C-alpha atoms as a PDB file:
ATOM      1  CA  MET A   1      -7.835   2.559  25.125  1.00  0.00           C
ATOM      2  CA  LYS A   2      -5.720  -0.346  23.924  1.00  0.00           C
ATOM      3  CA  ILE A   3      -6.922  -2.077  20.782  1.00  0.00           C
ATOM      4  CA  ILE A   4      -5.737  -4.833  18.424  1.00  0.00           C
ATOM      5  CA  LEU A   5      -5.912  -3.874  14.750  1.00  0.00           C
ATOM      6  CA  LYS A   6      -7.637  -6.371  12.471  1.00  0.00           C
ATOM      7  CA  GLU A   7      -6.552  -4.503   9.323  1.00  0.00           C
ATOM      8  CA  THR A   8      -3.641  -2.298   8.339  1.00  0.00           C
ATOM      9  CA  LEU A   9      -4.597   1.356   8.681  1.00  0.00           C
ATOM     10  CA  LYS A  10      -2.459   4.172   7.348  1.00  0.00           C
ATOM     11  CA  ASN A  11      -1.055   6.426  10.100  1.00  0.00           C
ATOM     12  CA  LEU A  12      -2.207   4.014  12.816  1.00  0.00           C
ATOM     13  CA  GLY A  13      -0.523   0.648  12.406  1.00  0.00           C
ATOM     14  CA  ALA A  14      -0.359  -2.693  10.679  1.00  0.00           C
ATOM     15  CA  GLN A  15      -2.646  -5.660  11.082  1.00  0.00           C
ATOM     16  CA  GLY A  16      -2.089  -7.305  14.450  1.00  0.00           C
ATOM     17  CA  ASP A  17      -0.502  -4.290  16.131  1.00  0.00           C
ATOM     18  CA  ILE A  18      -1.613  -3.345  19.618  1.00  0.00           C
ATOM     19  CA  VAL A  19      -2.022   0.438  19.775  1.00  0.00           C
ATOM     20  CA  ASN A  20      -3.456   3.088  22.070  1.00  0.00           C
ATOM     21  CA  VAL A  21      -6.238   5.259  20.675  1.00  0.00           C
ATOM     22  CA  LYS A  22      -8.822   7.589  22.139  1.00  0.00           C
ATOM     23  CA  ASP A  23     -12.015   5.949  23.381  1.00  0.00           C
ATOM     24  CA  GLY A  24     -14.286   7.826  20.977  1.00  0.00           C
ATOM     25  CA  TYR A  25     -12.198   6.889  17.923  1.00  0.00           C
ATOM     26  CA  ALA A  26     -12.311   3.228  18.887  1.00  0.00           C
ATOM     27  CA  ASN A  27     -15.995   3.095  19.857  1.00  0.00           C
ATOM     28  CA  ASN A  28     -17.359   5.266  17.055  1.00  0.00           C
ATOM     29  CA  PHE A  29     -15.144   4.291  14.116  1.00  0.00           C
ATOM     30  CA  LEU A  30     -12.802   1.323  14.559  1.00  0.00           C
ATOM     31  CA  PHE A  31     -15.132  -1.150  16.308  1.00  0.00           C
ATOM     32  CA  PRO A  32     -18.257  -0.558  14.154  1.00  0.00           C
ATOM     33  CA  LYS A  33     -16.268  -0.802  10.903  1.00  0.00           C
ATOM     34  CA  GLY A  34     -14.566  -4.010  12.089  1.00  0.00           C
ATOM     35  CA  PHE A  35     -11.067  -2.541  11.885  1.00  0.00           C
ATOM     36  CA  ALA A  36     -10.149  -3.410  15.491  1.00  0.00           C
ATOM     37  CA  ILE A  37     -11.076  -5.289  18.633  1.00  0.00           C
ATOM     38  CA  MET A  38     -10.584  -4.339  22.255  1.00  0.00           C
ATOM     39  CA  ALA A  39      -7.273  -5.541  23.735  1.00  0.00           C
ATOM     40  CA  THR A  40      -8.613  -7.613  26.626  1.00  0.00           C
ATOM     41  CA  SER A  41      -6.415 -10.279  28.198  1.00  0.00           C
ATOM     42  CA  SER A  42      -8.203 -13.089  26.353  1.00  0.00           C
ATOM     43  CA  ASN A  43      -8.002 -11.247  23.007  1.00  0.00           C
ATOM     44  CA  ILE A  44      -4.290 -10.592  23.570  1.00  0.00           C
ATOM     45  CA  LYS A  45      -3.689 -14.312  24.256  1.00  0.00           C
ATOM     46  CA  MET A  46      -5.564 -15.259  21.086  1.00  0.00           C
ATOM     47  CA  HIS A  47      -3.595 -12.640  19.169  1.00  0.00           C
ATOM     48  CA  GLU A  48      -0.260 -14.017  20.433  1.00  0.00           C
ATOM     49  CA  GLU A  49      -1.268 -17.573  19.493  1.00  0.00           C
ATOM     50  CA  ASN A  50      -2.309 -16.439  16.015  1.00  0.00           C
ATOM     51  CA  ASN A  51       1.055 -14.667  15.663  1.00  0.00           C
ATOM     52  CA  ARG A  52       2.913 -17.865  16.491  1.00  0.00           C
ATOM     53  CA  GLN A  53       0.884 -19.858  13.980  1.00  0.00           C
ATOM     54  CA  GLY A  54       1.126 -17.220  11.260  1.00  0.00           C
ATOM     55  CA  ALA A  55       4.894 -16.677  11.429  1.00  0.00           C
ATOM     56  CA  LEU A  56       5.662 -19.039   8.537  1.00  0.00           C
ATOM     57  CA  LYS A  57       2.902 -17.575   6.411  1.00  0.00           C
ATOM     58  CA  ARG A  58       4.192 -14.031   6.971  1.00  0.00           C
ATOM     59  CA  ALA A  59       7.759 -15.121   6.135  1.00  0.00           C
ATOM     60  CA  LYS A  60       6.542 -16.609   2.842  1.00  0.00           C
ATOM     61  CA  MET A  61       4.589 -13.438   2.032  1.00  0.00           C
ATOM     62  CA  LYS A  62       7.697 -11.335   2.702  1.00  0.00           C
ATOM     63  CA  ASN A  63       9.845 -13.542   0.460  1.00  0.00           C
ATOM     64  CA  ASP A  64       7.259 -13.288  -2.324  1.00  0.00           C
ATOM     65  CA  ALA A  65       7.156  -9.501  -1.918  1.00  0.00           C
ATOM     66  CA  GLU A  66      10.966  -9.317  -2.101  1.00  0.00           C
ATOM     67  CA  SER A  67      11.054 -11.374  -5.308  1.00  0.00           C
ATOM     68  CA  ILE A  68       8.402  -9.134  -6.888  1.00  0.00           C
ATOM     69  CA  SER A  69      10.324  -6.032  -5.786  1.00  0.00           C
ATOM     70  CA  GLU A  70      13.475  -7.302  -7.522  1.00  0.00           C
ATOM     71  CA  ARG A  71      11.524  -7.664 -10.776  1.00  0.00           C
ATOM     72  CA  LEU A  72       9.833  -4.250 -10.339  1.00  0.00           C
ATOM     73  CA  LYS A  73      13.152  -2.408  -9.866  1.00  0.00           C
ATOM     74  CA  GLU A  74      14.072  -3.153 -13.469  1.00  0.00           C
ATOM     75  CA  ILE A  75      10.834  -1.829 -14.978  1.00  0.00           C
ATOM     76  CA  THR A  76      10.113   1.669 -16.260  1.00  0.00           C
ATOM     77  CA  LEU A  77       6.410   2.249 -16.799  1.00  0.00           C
ATOM     78  CA  THR A  78       5.332   4.359 -19.761  1.00  0.00           C
ATOM     79  CA  ILE A  79       1.950   6.065 -19.549  1.00  0.00           C
ATOM     80  CA  GLY A  80       0.530   7.907 -22.546  1.00  0.00           C
ATOM     81  CA  MET A  81      -1.530  10.991 -21.735  1.00  0.00           C
ATOM     82  CA  LYS A  82      -3.059  13.755 -23.839  1.00  0.00           C
ATOM     83  CA  ALA A  83      -0.935  16.864 -23.480  1.00  0.00           C
ATOM     84  CA  GLY A  84      -1.457  20.507 -24.254  1.00  0.00           C
ATOM     85  CA  SER A  85       0.998  23.324 -24.619  1.00  0.00           C
ATOM     86  CA  ASN A  86       4.051  23.537 -22.335  1.00  0.00           C
ATOM     87  CA  ASP A  87       3.972  19.716 -21.887  1.00  0.00           C
ATOM     88  CA  LYS A  88       1.074  20.012 -19.457  1.00  0.00           C
ATOM     89  CA  ILE A  89      -1.197  16.960 -19.451  1.00  0.00           C
ATOM     90  CA  PHE A  90      -4.956  17.007 -19.182  1.00  0.00           C
ATOM     91  CA  GLY A  91      -5.727  15.740 -15.686  1.00  0.00           C
ATOM     92  CA  SER A  92      -3.041  13.917 -13.752  1.00  0.00           C
ATOM     93  CA  VAL A  93      -1.584  10.439 -13.414  1.00  0.00           C
ATOM     94  CA  THR A  94      -3.159   8.486 -10.564  1.00  0.00           C
ATOM     95  CA  PRO A  95      -2.218   5.308  -8.694  1.00  0.00           C
ATOM     96  CA  LEU A  96      -5.105   3.571 -10.488  1.00  0.00           C
ATOM     97  CA  GLN A  97      -3.511   4.236 -13.880  1.00  0.00           C
ATOM     98  CA  ILE A  98      -0.158   2.977 -12.637  1.00  0.00           C
ATOM     99  CA  SER A  99      -1.860  -0.143 -11.273  1.00  0.00           C
ATOM    100  CA  GLN A 100      -3.502  -0.792 -14.649  1.00  0.00           C
ATOM    101  CA  VAL A 101      -0.182  -0.442 -16.492  1.00  0.00           C
ATOM    102  CA  LEU A 102       1.457  -2.796 -13.984  1.00  0.00           C
ATOM    103  CA  LYS A 103      -1.339  -5.299 -14.620  1.00  0.00           C
ATOM    104  CA  THR A 104      -0.545  -5.286 -18.350  1.00  0.00           C
ATOM    105  CA  LYS A 105       3.074  -6.056 -17.439  1.00  0.00           C
ATOM    106  CA  GLY A 106       2.006  -9.059 -15.341  1.00  0.00           C
ATOM    107  CA  PHE A 107       1.962  -7.533 -11.842  1.00  0.00           C
ATOM    108  CA  ASP A 108      -1.378  -7.562 -10.008  1.00  0.00           C
ATOM    109  CA  ILE A 109      -0.846  -4.749  -7.491  1.00  0.00           C
ATOM    110  CA  ASP A 110      -3.694  -2.934  -5.780  1.00  0.00           C
ATOM    111  CA  ARG A 111      -3.856   0.831  -6.365  1.00  0.00           C
ATOM    112  CA  ARG A 112      -3.929   1.471  -2.606  1.00  0.00           C
ATOM    113  CA  LYS A 113      -0.388   0.103  -2.343  1.00  0.00           C
ATOM    114  CA  ILE A 114       0.974   2.694  -4.766  1.00  0.00           C
ATOM    115  CA  GLU A 115       2.086   6.107  -3.514  1.00  0.00           C
ATOM    116  CA  LEU A 116       3.033   8.919  -5.844  1.00  0.00           C
ATOM    117  CA  VAL A 117       6.083  10.937  -4.802  1.00  0.00           C
ATOM    118  CA  GLY A 118       4.566  14.159  -6.171  1.00  0.00           C
ATOM    119  CA  ASP A 119       1.739  15.326  -8.384  1.00  0.00           C
ATOM    120  CA  ILE A 120       2.187  14.146 -11.955  1.00  0.00           C
ATOM    121  CA  LYS A 121       0.733  16.907 -14.120  1.00  0.00           C
ATOM    122  CA  THR A 122       3.355  17.373 -16.839  1.00  0.00           C
ATOM    123  CA  LEU A 123       5.236  15.148 -19.246  1.00  0.00           C
ATOM    124  CA  GLY A 124       8.458  13.681 -17.921  1.00  0.00           C
ATOM    125  CA  THR A 125       9.907  11.003 -15.673  1.00  0.00           C
ATOM    126  CA  TYR A 126       8.662  10.555 -12.120  1.00  0.00           C
ATOM    127  CA  SER A 127       8.870   7.963  -9.397  1.00  0.00           C
ATOM    128  CA  ALA A 128       6.268   6.074  -7.408  1.00  0.00           C
ATOM    129  CA  ILE A 129       6.587   3.870  -4.339  1.00  0.00           C
ATOM    130  CA  VAL A 130       4.937   0.449  -4.319  1.00  0.00           C
ATOM    131  CA  ASN A 131       4.365  -0.949  -0.820  1.00  0.00           C
ATOM    132  CA  LEU A 132       4.359  -4.701  -1.341  1.00  0.00           C
ATOM    133  CA  HIS A 133       4.695  -5.713   2.300  1.00  0.00           C
ATOM    134  CA  ARG A 134       5.035  -4.128   5.686  1.00  0.00           C
ATOM    135  CA  ASP A 135       8.840  -4.246   5.338  1.00  0.00           C
ATOM    136  CA  VAL A 136       9.184  -4.208   1.539  1.00  0.00           C
ATOM    137  CA  ALA A 137       8.715  -1.083  -0.577  1.00  0.00           C
ATOM    138  CA  VAL A 138      10.169  -0.486  -4.011  1.00  0.00           C
ATOM    139  CA  LYS A 139      10.594   2.733  -5.990  1.00  0.00           C
ATOM    140  CA  ILE A 140       9.621   2.463  -9.647  1.00  0.00           C
ATOM    141  CA  ALA A 141      10.135   4.884 -12.524  1.00  0.00           C
ATOM    142  CA  VAL A 142       7.071   6.278 -14.303  1.00  0.00           C
ATOM    143  CA  GLU A 143       7.545   8.008 -17.638  1.00  0.00           C
ATOM    144  CA  VAL A 144       4.670  10.166 -18.881  1.00  0.00           C
ATOM    145  CA  VAL A 145       4.627  10.686 -22.644  1.00  0.00           C
ATOM    146  CA  ALA A 146       2.237  12.461 -25.017  1.00  0.00           C
ATOM    147  CA  GLU A 147      -0.193  10.282 -26.954  1.00  0.00           C
END
């Protein structure tokens, strides 16, 4: 079944994409949750018109994301965690913690836009990917130190 996504869904597509999915997935999950609409001819025409009208808005959002990514490239985040023997920390560093540290630095980035490259369970320097826009992602350095 062809559908038009109303929201960006990981592993499926971005907002506004027209994708093929199985009927059950669309009828039982995507439609009831409001994540998608059926791709009928009238909905496709409305979607194309909205794309034409939203082109300038999307270009501005991309430019804003690129300017933020330039500022983020220069930053190294330092997160203090309680550590035990062998530099092993209690718990692990999560995207929520990274988001909170970014907020203290003046960047309001949602935790769902932050992907960790690997599990952060020991002291050291790691990297995380911040997805600011569909086409703009920046890799930032995260340093975990003992409190």
